[in-house]
Amino acid sequence: MTSPTAATATPNTSAPQQRPDQGEPLSTNAIQLTENRAVYTVAEVSHLLSLSRGNTYAMVRTGEIPSKKIGNRWVIPKDRFHAWLNDAPTASTDDLDREEGSTCG
């Protein structure tokens, strides 16, 4: 006989959802959720820039990507991120030639 105060556990049949900052590829649902927030996570920015999460964290820590640390978590304000990205210099053909030349050595 069970006690009237005992809670009945209901099995969770749905798969647990990964947060975008836990290294999983961003799903359409995760991308849609970002539309309602003022900030991106580091994982979201790394996905947007096609960079590794480690390189993105390095750029955040050095201040190259505009960010804020809230508690133990880095966040990237969307408006500052897009302004930074829009102001980034455009690669020239000289830049591309230098990159190709440095890999053929």
N, C-alpha and C. Protein backbone atom coordinates (compact mmCIF):
# COMPACT_ATOMS: atom_id res chain seq x y z
N MET A 1 0.84 -1.18 0.00
CA MET A 1 0.00 0.00 0.00
C MET A 1 0.88 1.24 0.00
N THR A 2 0.55 2.19 -0.83
CA THR A 2 1.35 3.39 -0.93
C THR A 2 0.79 4.48 -0.05
N SER A 3 1.66 5.30 0.40
CA SER A 3 1.27 6.42 1.26
C SER A 3 0.59 7.49 0.41
N PRO A 4 -0.41 8.20 0.93
CA PRO A 4 -1.08 9.23 0.15
C PRO A 4 -0.17 10.40 -0.21
N THR A 5 0.94 10.56 0.50
CA THR A 5 1.84 11.67 0.21
C THR A 5 2.90 11.29 -0.82
N ALA A 6 3.00 10.01 -1.18
CA ALA A 6 4.02 9.59 -2.14
C ALA A 6 3.64 10.09 -3.53
N ALA A 7 4.60 10.65 -4.23
CA ALA A 7 4.36 11.16 -5.58
C ALA A 7 4.48 10.02 -6.58
N THR A 8 3.64 10.03 -7.56
CA THR A 8 3.70 9.03 -8.61
C THR A 8 4.53 9.60 -9.76
N ALA A 9 5.57 8.89 -10.11
CA ALA A 9 6.45 9.35 -11.19
C ALA A 9 5.85 8.95 -12.53
N THR A 10 5.83 9.87 -13.44
CA THR A 10 5.36 9.59 -14.79
C THR A 10 6.57 9.45 -15.69
N PRO A 11 6.68 8.36 -16.42
CA PRO A 11 7.86 8.20 -17.29
C PRO A 11 7.88 9.26 -18.39
N ASN A 12 9.05 9.77 -18.63
CA ASN A 12 9.25 10.76 -19.68
C ASN A 12 9.55 10.02 -20.97
N THR A 13 8.62 10.02 -21.90
CA THR A 13 8.81 9.28 -23.14
C THR A 13 9.54 10.07 -24.21
N SER A 14 9.66 11.37 -24.02
CA SER A 14 10.36 12.17 -25.02
C SER A 14 11.85 12.20 -24.68
N ALA A 15 12.66 12.29 -25.71
CA ALA A 15 14.10 12.34 -25.52
C ALA A 15 14.48 13.67 -24.88
N PRO A 16 15.49 13.66 -24.00
CA PRO A 16 15.89 14.93 -23.39
C PRO A 16 16.45 15.88 -24.43
N GLN A 17 16.12 17.14 -24.29
CA GLN A 17 16.58 18.13 -25.25
C GLN A 17 17.92 18.70 -24.79
N GLN A 18 18.87 18.75 -25.70
CA GLN A 18 20.17 19.33 -25.42
C GLN A 18 20.10 20.83 -25.55
N ARG A 19 20.76 21.55 -24.65
CA ARG A 19 20.86 22.99 -24.81
C ARG A 19 21.87 23.28 -25.90
N PRO A 20 21.69 24.38 -26.65
CA PRO A 20 22.61 24.69 -27.74
C PRO A 20 24.06 24.85 -27.29
N ASP A 21 24.31 25.21 -26.02
CA ASP A 21 25.68 25.42 -25.56
C ASP A 21 26.33 24.14 -25.07
N GLN A 22 25.72 22.98 -25.30
CA GLN A 22 26.29 21.72 -24.86
C GLN A 22 26.93 20.93 -26.00
N GLY A 23 27.24 21.58 -27.08
CA GLY A 23 28.00 20.95 -28.14
C GLY A 23 27.22 20.21 -29.20
N GLU A 24 25.92 20.15 -29.08
CA GLU A 24 25.11 19.50 -30.08
C GLU A 24 24.87 20.45 -31.25
N PRO A 25 24.72 19.94 -32.47
CA PRO A 25 24.38 20.82 -33.59
C PRO A 25 23.05 21.51 -33.30
N LEU A 26 22.94 22.74 -33.73
CA LEU A 26 21.72 23.50 -33.48
C LEU A 26 20.60 23.01 -34.38
N SER A 27 19.48 22.72 -33.77
CA SER A 27 18.32 22.30 -34.53
C SER A 27 17.53 23.53 -34.96
N THR A 28 16.56 23.32 -35.81
CA THR A 28 15.69 24.42 -36.24
C THR A 28 14.99 25.01 -35.03
N ASN A 29 14.56 24.17 -34.09
CA ASN A 29 13.89 24.67 -32.88
C ASN A 29 14.82 25.56 -32.07
N ALA A 30 16.08 25.16 -31.92
CA ALA A 30 17.03 25.96 -31.15
C ALA A 30 17.28 27.30 -31.83
N ILE A 31 17.37 27.30 -33.14
CA ILE A 31 17.59 28.55 -33.86
C ILE A 31 16.37 29.46 -33.73
N GLN A 32 15.17 28.88 -33.78
CA GLN A 32 13.96 29.69 -33.61
C GLN A 32 13.88 30.28 -32.22
N LEU A 33 14.36 29.57 -31.20
CA LEU A 33 14.33 30.09 -29.83
C LEU A 33 15.20 31.32 -29.68
N THR A 34 16.29 31.41 -30.45
CA THR A 34 17.19 32.56 -30.32
C THR A 34 16.56 33.85 -30.80
N GLU A 35 15.52 33.75 -31.62
CA GLU A 35 14.87 34.96 -32.14
C GLU A 35 14.22 35.78 -31.03
N ASN A 36 13.85 35.14 -29.93
CA ASN A 36 13.17 35.82 -28.85
C ASN A 36 14.11 36.29 -27.75
N ARG A 37 15.41 36.08 -27.91
CA ARG A 37 16.38 36.46 -26.88
C ARG A 37 17.26 37.59 -27.37
N ALA A 38 17.82 38.34 -26.44
CA ALA A 38 18.69 39.46 -26.77
C ALA A 38 20.14 39.04 -26.95
N VAL A 39 20.46 37.79 -26.61
CA VAL A 39 21.85 37.33 -26.65
C VAL A 39 21.96 35.99 -27.36
N TYR A 40 23.19 35.71 -27.83
CA TYR A 40 23.54 34.39 -28.35
C TYR A 40 24.41 33.69 -27.32
N THR A 41 24.44 32.37 -27.36
CA THR A 41 25.41 31.60 -26.59
C THR A 41 26.68 31.49 -27.43
N VAL A 42 27.77 31.07 -26.81
CA VAL A 42 29.02 30.87 -27.55
C VAL A 42 28.82 29.79 -28.61
N ALA A 43 28.07 28.75 -28.28
CA ALA A 43 27.82 27.68 -29.27
C ALA A 43 27.06 28.21 -30.47
N GLU A 44 26.09 29.08 -30.24
CA GLU A 44 25.32 29.65 -31.35
C GLU A 44 26.21 30.50 -32.24
N VAL A 45 27.08 31.31 -31.64
CA VAL A 45 28.00 32.15 -32.43
C VAL A 45 28.99 31.29 -33.19
N SER A 46 29.50 30.23 -32.55
CA SER A 46 30.45 29.36 -33.26
C SER A 46 29.76 28.72 -34.47
N HIS A 47 28.49 28.38 -34.33
CA HIS A 47 27.73 27.82 -35.45
C HIS A 47 27.52 28.87 -36.55
N LEU A 48 27.16 30.09 -36.15
CA LEU A 48 26.93 31.15 -37.13
C LEU A 48 28.19 31.49 -37.91
N LEU A 49 29.36 31.42 -37.24
CA LEU A 49 30.63 31.78 -37.88
C LEU A 49 31.36 30.57 -38.47
N SER A 50 30.81 29.39 -38.28
CA SER A 50 31.46 28.14 -38.73
C SER A 50 32.85 28.00 -38.13
N LEU A 51 32.95 28.28 -36.84
CA LEU A 51 34.20 28.13 -36.09
C LEU A 51 34.03 27.04 -35.05
N SER A 52 35.14 26.51 -34.56
CA SER A 52 35.04 25.56 -33.46
C SER A 52 34.64 26.33 -32.21
N ARG A 53 34.07 25.61 -31.26
CA ARG A 53 33.67 26.26 -30.03
C ARG A 53 34.90 26.77 -29.27
N GLY A 54 36.00 26.03 -29.33
CA GLY A 54 37.23 26.45 -28.66
C GLY A 54 37.76 27.76 -29.21
N ASN A 55 37.79 27.88 -30.54
CA ASN A 55 38.25 29.13 -31.16
C ASN A 55 37.31 30.28 -30.84
N THR A 56 36.02 29.99 -30.79
CA THR A 56 35.05 31.04 -30.47
C THR A 56 35.23 31.50 -29.04
N TYR A 57 35.42 30.56 -28.09
CA TYR A 57 35.68 30.95 -26.70
C TYR A 57 36.95 31.79 -26.59
N ALA A 58 37.98 31.42 -27.35
CA ALA A 58 39.23 32.19 -27.31
C ALA A 58 38.98 33.62 -27.78
N MET A 59 38.21 33.79 -28.84
CA MET A 59 37.91 35.13 -29.36
C MET A 59 37.03 35.92 -28.39
N VAL A 60 36.16 35.23 -27.67
CA VAL A 60 35.32 35.88 -26.66
C VAL A 60 36.18 36.35 -25.49
N ARG A 61 37.07 35.47 -25.01
CA ARG A 61 37.92 35.81 -23.85
C ARG A 61 38.86 36.98 -24.14
N THR A 62 39.36 37.07 -25.37
CA THR A 62 40.27 38.17 -25.71
C THR A 62 39.54 39.46 -26.05
N GLY A 63 38.22 39.38 -26.18
CA GLY A 63 37.43 40.57 -26.51
C GLY A 63 37.27 40.80 -28.00
N GLU A 64 37.80 39.90 -28.80
CA GLU A 64 37.66 40.08 -30.25
C GLU A 64 36.19 40.01 -30.66
N ILE A 65 35.44 39.07 -30.07
CA ILE A 65 33.99 39.01 -30.25
C ILE A 65 33.38 39.71 -29.05
N PRO A 66 32.52 40.71 -29.26
CA PRO A 66 31.93 41.44 -28.13
C PRO A 66 31.05 40.51 -27.30
N SER A 67 31.29 40.50 -25.99
CA SER A 67 30.56 39.58 -25.13
C SER A 67 30.50 40.11 -23.71
N LYS A 68 29.69 39.46 -22.90
CA LYS A 68 29.56 39.76 -21.48
C LYS A 68 29.62 38.45 -20.72
N LYS A 69 30.24 38.48 -19.55
CA LYS A 69 30.23 37.31 -18.70
C LYS A 69 29.20 37.54 -17.61
N ILE A 70 28.21 36.68 -17.56
CA ILE A 70 27.16 36.77 -16.55
C ILE A 70 27.28 35.53 -15.70
N GLY A 71 27.72 35.71 -14.47
CA GLY A 71 28.02 34.56 -13.62
C GLY A 71 29.18 33.80 -14.22
N ASN A 72 28.98 32.53 -14.49
CA ASN A 72 30.02 31.70 -15.12
C ASN A 72 29.77 31.51 -16.60
N ARG A 73 28.87 32.26 -17.16
CA ARG A 73 28.46 32.03 -18.55
C ARG A 73 28.74 33.24 -19.42
N TRP A 74 29.31 32.99 -20.59
CA TRP A 74 29.52 34.04 -21.58
C TRP A 74 28.29 34.16 -22.46
N VAL A 75 27.86 35.38 -22.71
CA VAL A 75 26.78 35.63 -23.66
C VAL A 75 27.24 36.72 -24.62
N ILE A 76 26.70 36.68 -25.82
CA ILE A 76 27.07 37.64 -26.86
C ILE A 76 25.81 38.41 -27.23
N PRO A 77 25.76 39.71 -26.88
CA PRO A 77 24.58 40.50 -27.26
C PRO A 77 24.43 40.52 -28.78
N LYS A 78 23.22 40.21 -29.25
CA LYS A 78 22.98 40.10 -30.69
C LYS A 78 23.30 41.38 -31.44
N ASP A 79 22.84 42.51 -30.90
CA ASP A 79 23.06 43.77 -31.64
C ASP A 79 24.55 44.08 -31.76
N ARG A 80 25.32 43.87 -30.67
CA ARG A 80 26.77 44.14 -30.73
C ARG A 80 27.48 43.14 -31.64
N PHE A 81 27.04 41.87 -31.62
CA PHE A 81 27.65 40.86 -32.47
C PHE A 81 27.46 41.21 -33.94
N HIS A 82 26.24 41.56 -34.32
CA HIS A 82 25.97 41.87 -35.73
C HIS A 82 26.67 43.16 -36.16
N ALA A 83 26.76 44.14 -35.26
CA ALA A 83 27.51 45.36 -35.59
C ALA A 83 28.99 45.03 -35.79
N TRP A 84 29.55 44.19 -34.91
CA TRP A 84 30.95 43.77 -35.03
C TRP A 84 31.16 43.03 -36.34
N LEU A 85 30.27 42.13 -36.66
CA LEU A 85 30.41 41.34 -37.87
C LEU A 85 30.30 42.22 -39.12
N ASN A 86 29.37 43.15 -39.11
CA ASN A 86 29.20 44.06 -40.26
C ASN A 86 30.39 44.99 -40.43
N ASP A 87 31.08 45.32 -39.34
CA ASP A 87 32.24 46.20 -39.41
C ASP A 87 33.55 45.46 -39.68
N ALA A 88 33.52 44.13 -39.68
CA ALA A 88 34.74 43.35 -39.92
C ALA A 88 35.25 43.61 -41.33
N PRO A 89 36.57 43.70 -41.49
CA PRO A 89 37.11 43.97 -42.83
C PRO A 89 36.81 42.81 -43.79
N THR A 90 36.62 43.16 -45.03
CA THR A 90 36.36 42.17 -46.08
C THR A 90 37.68 41.63 -46.58
N ALA A 91 37.74 40.33 -46.81
CA ALA A 91 38.96 39.71 -47.33
C ALA A 91 39.19 40.16 -48.77
N SER A 92 40.43 40.47 -49.08
CA SER A 92 40.78 40.85 -50.45
C SER A 92 41.41 39.65 -51.15
N THR A 93 41.63 39.78 -52.45
CA THR A 93 42.28 38.69 -53.18
C THR A 93 43.73 38.54 -52.71
N ASP A 94 44.36 39.63 -52.26
CA ASP A 94 45.72 39.54 -51.70
C ASP A 94 45.73 38.67 -50.45
N ASP A 95 44.69 38.83 -49.60
CA ASP A 95 44.58 38.00 -48.40
C ASP A 95 44.48 36.52 -48.78
N LEU A 96 43.67 36.23 -49.78
CA LEU A 96 43.50 34.85 -50.22
C LEU A 96 44.79 34.29 -50.80
N ASP A 97 45.50 35.10 -51.58
CA ASP A 97 46.78 34.66 -52.16
C ASP A 97 47.79 34.36 -51.05
N ARG A 98 47.84 35.22 -50.01
CA ARG A 98 48.76 35.00 -48.89
C ARG A 98 48.42 33.70 -48.17
N GLU A 99 47.13 33.42 -47.95
CA GLU A 99 46.72 32.19 -47.28
C GLU A 99 47.14 30.97 -48.10
N GLU A 100 46.90 31.02 -49.39
CA GLU A 100 47.28 29.89 -50.24
C GLU A 100 48.78 29.73 -50.29
N GLY A 101 49.51 30.81 -50.31
CA GLY A 101 50.96 30.75 -50.34
C GLY A 101 51.56 30.19 -49.06
N SER A 102 50.92 30.45 -47.92
CA SER A 102 51.46 29.96 -46.65
C SER A 102 51.20 28.48 -46.46
N THR A 103 50.24 27.90 -47.17
CA THR A 103 49.96 26.47 -47.03
C THR A 103 50.73 25.63 -48.03
N CYS A 104 51.36 26.30 -49.01
CA CYS A 104 52.09 25.57 -50.07
C CYS A 104 53.58 25.62 -49.83
N GLY A 105 54.02 25.76 -48.62
CA GLY A 105 55.43 25.96 -48.37
C GLY A 105 56.14 24.76 -48.00
